[in-house]
Amino acid sequence: QVQLVESGGGLVQAGGSLRLSCAASGSIFSINAMGWYRQAPGKQRELVATSGGSTKYSDSVRGRFTISRDNAKNTVYLQMNSLKPEDTAVYYCNAVVITPSYGYLEVWGQGTLVTVSS
């Protein structure tokens, strides 16, 4: 079984910064990609940033958010700067891992709430 544990969400004023972390644990042979998605109230879940063979950002966060990985720790980070109220959402960690038993497996974290006040 593979688990993703997120941390780092919270309340911040507009213009501030937060850093999210997500650590993968369990029976993992390797990690193909890790990334972040978010879901605001009443909206669909959307991609924020991913890190795999290449790094991708949504247009709404490019230049303000930075995704990074520590492969030795199976951890992905999201540094969020210049936060705006519209960044308020539940942020979900996502990983595509290769497990000895099941091969490729897509896993989601439980989500962490980021609230940006104006």
C-alpha atoms as a PDB file:
ATOM      1  CA  GLN A   1       0.000   0.000   0.000  1.00  0.00           C
ATOM      2  CA  VAL A   2       1.179   3.493  -0.867  1.00  0.00           C
ATOM      3  CA  GLN A   3       0.267   6.622   1.073  1.00  0.00           C
ATOM      4  CA  LEU A   4       0.783  10.321   0.475  1.00  0.00           C
ATOM      5  CA  VAL A   5       0.898  12.602   3.501  1.00  0.00           C
ATOM      6  CA  GLU A   6       0.599  16.343   2.921  1.00  0.00           C
ATOM      7  CA  SER A   7       1.452  19.213   5.217  1.00  0.00           C
ATOM      8  CA  GLY A   8       1.931  22.956   5.127  1.00  0.00           C
ATOM      9  CA  GLY A   9      -1.505  24.366   4.408  1.00  0.00           C
ATOM     10  CA  GLY A  10      -3.032  27.172   6.399  1.00  0.00           C
ATOM     11  CA  LEU A  11      -4.248  30.754   6.411  1.00  0.00           C
ATOM     12  CA  VAL A  12      -2.149  33.490   4.855  1.00  0.00           C
ATOM     13  CA  GLN A  13      -2.732  37.058   3.741  1.00  0.00           C
ATOM     14  CA  ALA A  14      -2.680  38.016   0.093  1.00  0.00           C
ATOM     15  CA  GLY A  15       0.879  38.517  -1.082  1.00  0.00           C
ATOM     16  CA  GLY A  16       2.208  36.014   1.414  1.00  0.00           C
ATOM     17  CA  SER A  17       3.862  32.643   0.960  1.00  0.00           C
ATOM     18  CA  LEU A  18       3.298  29.046   1.962  1.00  0.00           C
ATOM     19  CA  ARG A  19       5.195  25.833   1.332  1.00  0.00           C
ATOM     20  CA  LEU A  20       3.374  22.546   0.931  1.00  0.00           C
ATOM     21  CA  SER A  21       5.060  19.187   1.390  1.00  0.00           C
ATOM     22  CA  CYS A  22       3.960  15.705   0.390  1.00  0.00           C
ATOM     23  CA  ALA A  23       5.789  12.542   1.359  1.00  0.00           C
ATOM     24  CA  ALA A  24       5.134   9.172  -0.251  1.00  0.00           C
ATOM     25  CA  SER A  25       5.563   6.001   1.754  1.00  0.00           C
ATOM     26  CA  GLY A  26       4.867   2.306   1.398  1.00  0.00           C
ATOM     27  CA  SER A  27       5.831  -0.358  -1.072  1.00  0.00           C
ATOM     28  CA  ILE A  28       7.348   1.804  -3.792  1.00  0.00           C
ATOM     29  CA  PHE A  29       9.760   0.609  -6.421  1.00  0.00           C
ATOM     30  CA  SER A  30      10.054   4.021  -8.035  1.00  0.00           C
ATOM     31  CA  ILE A  31       8.077   7.232  -8.554  1.00  0.00           C
ATOM     32  CA  ASN A  32       7.253   8.232 -12.097  1.00  0.00           C
ATOM     33  CA  ALA A  33       5.774  11.642 -11.343  1.00  0.00           C
ATOM     34  CA  MET A  34       4.519  13.756  -8.474  1.00  0.00           C
ATOM     35  CA  GLY A  35       2.381  16.833  -8.572  1.00  0.00           C
ATOM     36  CA  TRP A  36      -0.202  19.109  -7.039  1.00  0.00           C
ATOM     37  CA  TYR A  37      -3.836  19.715  -7.903  1.00  0.00           C
ATOM     38  CA  ARG A  38      -6.363  21.968  -6.226  1.00  0.00           C
ATOM     39  CA  GLN A  39     -10.099  22.223  -5.869  1.00  0.00           C
ATOM     40  CA  ALA A  40     -11.836  25.437  -4.920  1.00  0.00           C
ATOM     41  CA  PRO A  41     -15.402  25.433  -3.548  1.00  0.00           C
ATOM     42  CA  GLY A  42     -17.882  24.779  -6.328  1.00  0.00           C
ATOM     43  CA  LYS A  43     -15.176  24.139  -8.898  1.00  0.00           C
ATOM     44  CA  GLN A  44     -13.567  21.107 -10.475  1.00  0.00           C
ATOM     45  CA  ARG A  45     -10.186  19.844  -9.416  1.00  0.00           C
ATOM     46  CA  GLU A  46      -7.464  21.389 -11.537  1.00  0.00           C
ATOM     47  CA  LEU A  47      -3.787  20.872 -12.172  1.00  0.00           C
ATOM     48  CA  VAL A  48      -1.410  23.211 -10.363  1.00  0.00           C
ATOM     49  CA  ALA A  49       1.999  21.744 -11.157  1.00  0.00           C
ATOM     50  CA  THR A  50       3.590  18.412 -11.927  1.00  0.00           C
ATOM     51  CA  SER A  51       7.138  17.094 -11.902  1.00  0.00           C
ATOM     52  CA  GLY A  52       7.991  13.999 -13.911  1.00  0.00           C
ATOM     53  CA  GLY A  53       9.864  13.788 -17.148  1.00  0.00           C
ATOM     54  CA  SER A  54       9.183  17.497 -17.418  1.00  0.00           C
ATOM     55  CA  THR A  55       7.812  20.204 -15.166  1.00  0.00           C
ATOM     56  CA  LYS A  56       4.435  21.754 -15.933  1.00  0.00           C
ATOM     57  CA  TYR A  57       2.535  24.624 -14.359  1.00  0.00           C
ATOM     58  CA  SER A  58      -0.939  25.944 -14.860  1.00  0.00           C
ATOM     59  CA  ASP A  59      -1.053  29.398 -16.398  1.00  0.00           C
ATOM     60  CA  SER A  60      -2.609  30.812 -13.233  1.00  0.00           C
ATOM     61  CA  VAL A  61       0.371  29.930 -11.021  1.00  0.00           C
ATOM     62  CA  ARG A  62       3.327  30.069 -13.409  1.00  0.00           C
ATOM     63  CA  GLY A  63       5.923  32.495 -12.106  1.00  0.00           C
ATOM     64  CA  ARG A  64       4.521  32.451  -8.568  1.00  0.00           C
ATOM     65  CA  PHE A  65       4.635  28.766  -7.595  1.00  0.00           C
ATOM     66  CA  THR A  66       7.612  26.407  -7.772  1.00  0.00           C
ATOM     67  CA  ILE A  67       7.445  22.630  -7.611  1.00  0.00           C
ATOM     68  CA  SER A  68      10.458  20.634  -6.495  1.00  0.00           C
ATOM     69  CA  ARG A  69      11.245  17.080  -5.489  1.00  0.00           C
ATOM     70  CA  ASP A  70      13.584  15.319  -3.119  1.00  0.00           C
ATOM     71  CA  ASN A  71      13.829  11.885  -4.697  1.00  0.00           C
ATOM     72  CA  ALA A  72      15.816  10.473  -1.798  1.00  0.00           C
ATOM     73  CA  LYS A  73      12.894  11.274   0.505  1.00  0.00           C
ATOM     74  CA  ASN A  74      10.097  10.514  -1.999  1.00  0.00           C
ATOM     75  CA  THR A  75       8.841  14.020  -1.293  1.00  0.00           C
ATOM     76  CA  VAL A  76       7.441  16.793  -3.445  1.00  0.00           C
ATOM     77  CA  TYR A  77       7.178  20.435  -2.423  1.00  0.00           C
ATOM     78  CA  LEU A  78       5.162  23.365  -3.671  1.00  0.00           C
ATOM     79  CA  GLN A  79       6.523  26.789  -2.838  1.00  0.00           C
ATOM     80  CA  MET A  80       3.718  29.292  -3.254  1.00  0.00           C
ATOM     81  CA  ASN A  81       4.610  32.986  -3.387  1.00  0.00           C
ATOM     82  CA  SER A  82       2.569  36.102  -4.072  1.00  0.00           C
ATOM     83  CA  LEU A  83      -0.563  34.268  -3.036  1.00  0.00           C
ATOM     84  CA  LYS A  84      -3.924  35.618  -4.157  1.00  0.00           C
ATOM     85  CA  PRO A  85      -7.409  35.059  -2.723  1.00  0.00           C
ATOM     86  CA  GLU A  86      -8.239  33.035  -5.834  1.00  0.00           C
ATOM     87  CA  ASP A  87      -5.565  30.533  -4.802  1.00  0.00           C
ATOM     88  CA  THR A  88      -7.825  29.497  -1.931  1.00  0.00           C
ATOM     89  CA  ALA A  89      -8.554  25.788  -2.338  1.00  0.00           C
ATOM     90  CA  VAL A  90      -7.892  22.327  -1.029  1.00  0.00           C
ATOM     91  CA  TYR A  91      -4.567  21.248  -2.455  1.00  0.00           C
ATOM     92  CA  TYR A  92      -4.084  17.585  -3.262  1.00  0.00           C
ATOM     93  CA  CYS A  93      -0.841  15.757  -3.785  1.00  0.00           C
ATOM     94  CA  ASN A  94      -0.756  13.225  -6.615  1.00  0.00           C
ATOM     95  CA  ALA A  95       1.809  10.589  -7.489  1.00  0.00           C
ATOM     96  CA  VAL A  96       2.234   7.937 -10.138  1.00  0.00           C
ATOM     97  CA  VAL A  97       4.322   5.216  -8.586  1.00  0.00           C
ATOM     98  CA  ILE A  98       5.589   1.812  -9.599  1.00  0.00           C
ATOM     99  CA  THR A  99       4.975  -0.859  -7.001  1.00  0.00           C
ATOM    100  CA  PRO A 100       6.381  -4.383  -6.896  1.00  0.00           C
ATOM    101  CA  SER A 101       2.896  -5.894  -6.617  1.00  0.00           C
ATOM    102  CA  TYR A 102       0.685  -3.740  -8.820  1.00  0.00           C
ATOM    103  CA  GLY A 103       2.955  -2.022 -11.280  1.00  0.00           C
ATOM    104  CA  TYR A 104       1.829   1.551 -12.048  1.00  0.00           C
ATOM    105  CA  LEU A 105      -0.434   3.042  -9.396  1.00  0.00           C
ATOM    106  CA  GLU A 106      -1.911   6.536  -9.140  1.00  0.00           C
ATOM    107  CA  VAL A 107      -2.241   7.758  -5.569  1.00  0.00           C
ATOM    108  CA  TRP A 108      -3.862  10.845  -4.038  1.00  0.00           C
ATOM    109  CA  GLY A 109      -3.253  12.551  -0.737  1.00  0.00           C
ATOM    110  CA  GLN A 110      -6.018  13.553   1.651  1.00  0.00           C
ATOM    111  CA  GLY A 111      -5.752  17.242   0.787  1.00  0.00           C
ATOM    112  CA  THR A 112      -4.604  20.298   2.701  1.00  0.00           C
ATOM    113  CA  LEU A 113      -6.548  23.552   2.872  1.00  0.00           C
ATOM    114  CA  VAL A 114      -4.945  26.791   1.768  1.00  0.00           C
ATOM    115  CA  THR A 115      -6.874  29.962   2.551  1.00  0.00           C
ATOM    116  CA  VAL A 116      -5.695  33.334   1.277  1.00  0.00           C
ATOM    117  CA  SER A 117      -7.361  36.353   2.836  1.00  0.00           C
ATOM    118  CA  SER A 118      -7.649  39.696   1.065  1.00  0.00           C
END
